[in-house]
Amino acid sequence: MVPRSILTRTFHVLHCGGIGTAFTIDVDGRQYLATAEHVVKGLASGSSISVHRNGSWQAVAIGEVWHSTTGADVSLLSLKEPLSPSEPIGLGTSASYYLSQQIYFLGFPFGLHMEAAQINNGFPVPFVKTGIISSFSPKSGGSQLIYCDGYNNPGFSGGPIVVNTPQNQVLVIGVVSGYRYNEDPVMLNGADTGLTYRANTGLVIGWGIDELVVQARAAKSGALIS
């Protein structure tokens, strides 16, 4: 189950003509925006990012922009003002999940969303998809690479990956990066045309949020929350 506190933290964002997803995390009393690095590539500190609200794109001012230094597809943006309610959510580390565990991932595939301005302060509500953790890499100082069995679509990049623990905790454990695809041949009457198409393999690629939490604690530059 994905609670309201996760839905209201997930946002449809636009940067340099490309759309994606981002979500807020609260660390040490300050709020930050987390997303995939490729969603905000080239975004400068002290600028703004566009967030969809009340049917249009609105600029949200940001402070510092931080990208992973270990090659992970994750970024952290410090906010000038809180973007979502400060309802508590858990932030999971690489020790918070296990193989075959069910996950949920949230985002705005192809820009689609559910309009629910009256219950989400003018922001659209994201799609929710599910899968299981299929594999993950050993963590060695950076963010853990997470592979999930699930059907991803363009637009989910930057969205949160969520788990429910056996102790009934809801934790955000990662950021959606993309999905693995194969270049399959296009056949015509059994003959190879020389053309190919990208086939979705059903493997969702994500990165753990460990680095983002560490950076937020070190920076202490996000929007103050009550």
Protein backbone atom coordinates (compact mmCIF):
# COMPACT_ATOMS: atom_id res chain seq x y z
CA MET A 1 0.00 0.00 0.00
CA VAL A 2 1.17 3.53 -0.81
CA PRO A 3 -0.14 6.03 1.76
CA ARG A 4 -1.28 9.58 1.14
CA SER A 5 1.96 10.91 2.63
CA ILE A 6 3.87 9.46 -0.36
CA LEU A 7 1.34 10.52 -3.01
CA THR A 8 1.42 14.15 -1.84
CA ARG A 9 5.23 14.19 -1.96
CA THR A 10 5.48 13.11 -5.60
CA PHE A 11 5.56 15.83 -8.27
CA HIS A 12 5.42 16.13 -12.05
CA VAL A 13 8.44 18.23 -13.11
CA LEU A 14 9.70 19.87 -16.29
CA HIS A 15 13.27 20.88 -17.12
CA CYS A 16 14.73 21.91 -20.50
CA GLY A 17 11.72 20.52 -22.35
CA GLY A 18 11.86 17.09 -20.70
CA ILE A 19 9.30 15.86 -18.19
CA GLY A 20 9.89 13.55 -15.26
CA THR A 21 9.13 12.97 -11.61
CA ALA A 22 10.58 14.20 -8.32
CA PHE A 23 9.68 13.76 -4.68
CA THR A 24 10.34 15.51 -1.39
CA ILE A 25 12.27 14.07 1.53
CA ASP A 26 12.56 15.60 4.99
CA VAL A 27 15.95 15.33 6.69
CA ASP A 28 16.78 16.93 10.04
CA GLY A 29 13.87 19.36 9.86
CA ARG A 30 14.54 20.50 6.30
CA GLN A 31 12.85 19.59 3.02
CA TYR A 32 14.62 18.67 -0.23
CA LEU A 33 13.57 17.53 -3.69
CA ALA A 34 15.02 14.20 -4.86
CA THR A 35 15.03 12.99 -8.47
CA ALA A 36 17.13 11.24 -11.13
CA GLU A 37 20.16 13.18 -12.33
CA HIS A 38 19.22 12.87 -16.00
CA VAL A 39 15.88 14.57 -15.29
CA VAL A 40 17.61 17.75 -14.06
CA LYS A 41 20.82 17.60 -16.09
CA GLY A 42 22.31 21.08 -16.43
CA LEU A 43 20.11 22.60 -13.71
CA ALA A 44 22.06 25.33 -11.90
CA SER A 45 22.05 26.17 -8.22
CA GLY A 46 20.00 29.24 -7.43
CA SER A 47 17.64 28.74 -10.37
CA SER A 48 14.21 27.09 -10.55
CA ILE A 49 12.45 23.97 -11.78
CA SER A 50 8.93 23.81 -13.23
CA VAL A 51 6.31 21.84 -11.29
CA HIS A 52 2.82 21.08 -12.58
CA ARG A 53 0.11 22.64 -10.43
CA ASN A 54 -3.47 23.78 -11.07
CA GLY A 55 -3.20 22.77 -14.73
CA SER A 56 -0.04 24.70 -15.59
CA TRP A 57 3.72 24.69 -15.09
CA GLN A 58 4.87 26.86 -12.19
CA ALA A 59 8.44 27.80 -11.29
CA VAL A 60 9.71 26.57 -7.92
CA ALA A 61 12.84 28.28 -6.61
CA ILE A 62 15.72 26.04 -5.59
CA GLY A 63 18.96 26.65 -3.75
CA GLU A 64 21.79 24.16 -4.08
CA VAL A 65 21.85 21.38 -6.68
CA TRP A 66 23.85 18.25 -5.86
CA HIS A 67 24.55 15.27 -8.15
CA SER A 68 25.98 11.91 -7.12
CA THR A 69 29.76 11.74 -7.21
CA THR A 70 29.77 7.95 -7.63
CA GLY A 71 27.98 7.65 -10.95
CA ALA A 72 24.51 6.98 -9.54
CA ASP A 73 21.59 8.56 -11.40
CA VAL A 74 20.39 10.60 -8.38
CA SER A 75 20.25 14.30 -7.58
CA LEU A 76 19.20 16.42 -4.61
CA LEU A 77 17.78 19.95 -4.84
CA SER A 78 17.46 22.17 -1.78
CA LEU A 79 14.14 24.00 -1.66
CA LYS A 80 13.63 27.62 -0.64
CA GLU A 81 10.10 26.90 0.61
CA PRO A 82 8.43 23.58 1.56
CA LEU A 83 6.68 21.99 -1.41
CA SER A 84 4.66 19.29 0.36
CA PRO A 85 3.14 18.70 3.79
CA SER A 86 5.67 17.52 6.34
CA GLU A 87 3.82 14.30 7.07
CA PRO A 88 6.42 11.78 8.30
CA ILE A 89 7.76 9.13 5.95
CA GLY A 90 10.54 6.64 6.53
CA LEU A 91 13.74 6.73 4.47
CA GLY A 92 15.21 3.28 3.95
CA THR A 93 18.86 2.32 3.64
CA SER A 94 20.39 -0.60 1.77
CA ALA A 95 19.63 -2.71 4.85
CA SER A 96 15.90 -1.98 4.61
CA TYR A 97 14.94 -4.30 1.75
CA TYR A 98 15.52 -7.81 0.47
CA LEU A 99 15.29 -9.95 -2.65
CA SER A 100 11.74 -10.71 -3.84
CA GLN A 101 10.26 -7.95 -1.67
CA GLN A 102 7.30 -6.15 -3.22
CA ILE A 103 7.93 -2.55 -4.27
CA TYR A 104 5.83 0.30 -5.58
CA PHE A 105 7.07 3.07 -7.83
CA LEU A 106 5.34 6.36 -8.57
CA GLY A 107 5.45 8.80 -11.45
CA PHE A 108 3.81 10.40 -14.45
CA PRO A 109 4.08 8.04 -17.47
CA PHE A 110 3.94 9.97 -20.76
CA GLY A 111 2.81 12.97 -18.69
CA LEU A 112 -0.37 11.22 -17.57
CA HIS A 113 -1.77 11.85 -14.10
CA MET A 114 -4.93 11.96 -12.05
CA GLU A 115 -6.36 15.41 -11.47
CA ALA A 116 -7.21 15.75 -7.81
CA ALA A 117 -6.55 19.40 -7.04
CA GLN A 118 -9.13 19.44 -4.30
CA ILE A 119 -7.30 16.76 -2.29
CA ASN A 120 -3.68 17.51 -3.23
CA ASN A 121 -3.33 21.28 -2.95
CA GLY A 122 -3.57 21.77 -6.69
CA PHE A 123 -0.96 19.15 -7.62
CA PRO A 124 -1.80 16.14 -9.84
CA VAL A 125 -1.71 12.67 -8.28
CA PRO A 126 0.88 10.26 -9.76
CA PHE A 127 0.38 6.79 -11.20
CA VAL A 128 1.36 3.90 -8.94
CA LYS A 129 2.90 0.68 -10.28
CA THR A 130 4.24 -2.37 -8.53
CA GLY A 131 6.86 -5.10 -8.87
CA ILE A 132 9.45 -6.99 -6.81
CA ILE A 133 13.12 -6.52 -6.07
CA SER A 134 14.92 -8.85 -8.45
CA SER A 135 18.54 -7.98 -7.70
CA PHE A 136 20.78 -5.33 -6.22
CA SER A 137 24.48 -4.60 -6.27
CA PRO A 138 26.74 -4.71 -3.22
CA LYS A 139 26.95 -1.22 -1.71
CA SER A 140 30.46 0.22 -1.70
CA GLY A 141 30.31 3.78 -0.46
CA GLY A 142 27.71 5.12 -2.86
CA SER A 143 24.11 4.46 -3.80
CA GLN A 144 23.03 0.87 -4.31
CA LEU A 145 21.87 -0.17 -7.78
CA ILE A 146 18.45 -1.82 -7.54
CA TYR A 147 16.80 -3.96 -10.23
CA CYS A 148 13.05 -4.51 -9.95
CA ASP A 149 10.70 -6.71 -11.95
CA GLY A 150 8.04 -4.29 -13.16
CA TYR A 151 6.88 -2.54 -16.32
CA ASN A 152 8.25 0.99 -16.41
CA ASN A 153 7.38 3.77 -18.88
CA PRO A 154 8.97 7.09 -19.85
CA GLY A 155 7.97 9.70 -17.27
CA PHE A 156 8.57 7.63 -14.14
CA SER A 157 12.23 8.68 -14.04
CA GLY A 158 13.02 10.44 -10.76
CA GLY A 159 10.05 8.97 -8.90
CA PRO A 160 10.25 7.22 -5.52
CA ILE A 161 10.58 3.47 -5.00
CA VAL A 162 8.62 2.43 -1.92
CA VAL A 163 8.45 -0.73 0.21
CA ASN A 164 6.29 -1.96 3.07
CA THR A 165 8.41 -3.74 5.68
CA PRO A 166 7.37 -6.81 7.71
CA GLN A 167 7.06 -4.38 10.63
CA ASN A 168 4.37 -2.45 8.70
CA GLN A 169 6.64 0.49 8.00
CA VAL A 170 6.38 2.35 4.69
CA LEU A 171 9.85 3.37 3.47
CA VAL A 172 11.15 5.25 0.47
CA ILE A 173 14.26 3.28 -0.55
CA GLY A 174 15.22 4.54 -3.99
CA VAL A 175 14.86 6.69 -7.08
CA VAL A 176 13.61 5.37 -10.43
CA SER A 177 16.31 5.78 -13.09
CA GLY A 178 14.78 4.03 -16.10
CA TYR A 179 14.35 0.55 -17.51
CA ARG A 180 16.45 -1.93 -19.40
CA TYR A 181 15.56 -2.49 -23.05
CA ASN A 182 16.70 -4.71 -25.91
CA GLU A 183 17.17 -3.68 -29.53
CA ASP A 184 15.03 -6.36 -31.23
CA PRO A 185 14.95 -6.87 -35.02
CA VAL A 186 11.94 -5.92 -37.13
CA MET A 187 10.91 -8.93 -39.22
CA LEU A 188 8.83 -8.93 -42.42
CA ASN A 189 7.50 -12.27 -43.67
CA GLY A 190 10.20 -14.00 -41.66
CA ALA A 191 13.02 -11.89 -43.09
CA ASP A 192 15.15 -9.43 -41.13
CA THR A 193 14.52 -5.89 -42.44
CA GLY A 194 17.66 -4.50 -40.83
CA LEU A 195 15.50 -2.26 -38.65
CA THR A 196 15.23 -2.57 -34.88
CA TYR A 197 12.90 -1.43 -32.13
CA ARG A 198 13.43 -0.99 -28.41
CA ALA A 199 11.63 -3.67 -26.42
CA ASN A 200 10.96 -3.08 -22.73
CA THR A 201 12.46 -6.02 -20.79
CA GLY A 202 10.37 -5.43 -17.68
CA LEU A 203 13.44 -4.59 -15.56
CA VAL A 204 13.09 -1.31 -13.69
CA ILE A 205 16.41 0.30 -12.78
CA GLY A 206 16.67 2.32 -9.58
CA TRP A 207 19.25 3.70 -7.17
CA GLY A 208 19.15 3.76 -3.37
CA ILE A 209 18.74 7.09 -1.57
CA ASP A 210 21.63 6.61 0.88
CA GLU A 211 23.82 9.24 -0.78
CA LEU A 212 20.99 11.77 -0.87
CA VAL A 213 20.31 11.46 2.85
CA VAL A 214 24.02 11.82 3.66
CA GLN A 215 24.26 14.91 1.44
CA ALA A 216 21.15 16.48 2.98
CA ARG A 217 22.55 16.04 6.48
CA ALA A 218 25.85 17.60 5.44
CA ALA A 219 24.35 20.50 3.47
CA LYS A 220 21.63 21.60 5.90
CA SER A 221 20.30 23.94 3.21
CA GLY A 222 16.77 22.72 2.54
CA ALA A 223 13.55 24.55 3.37
CA LEU A 224 12.78 24.63 7.09
CA ILE A 225 9.67 22.65 8.02
CA SER A 226 7.59 22.92 11.15
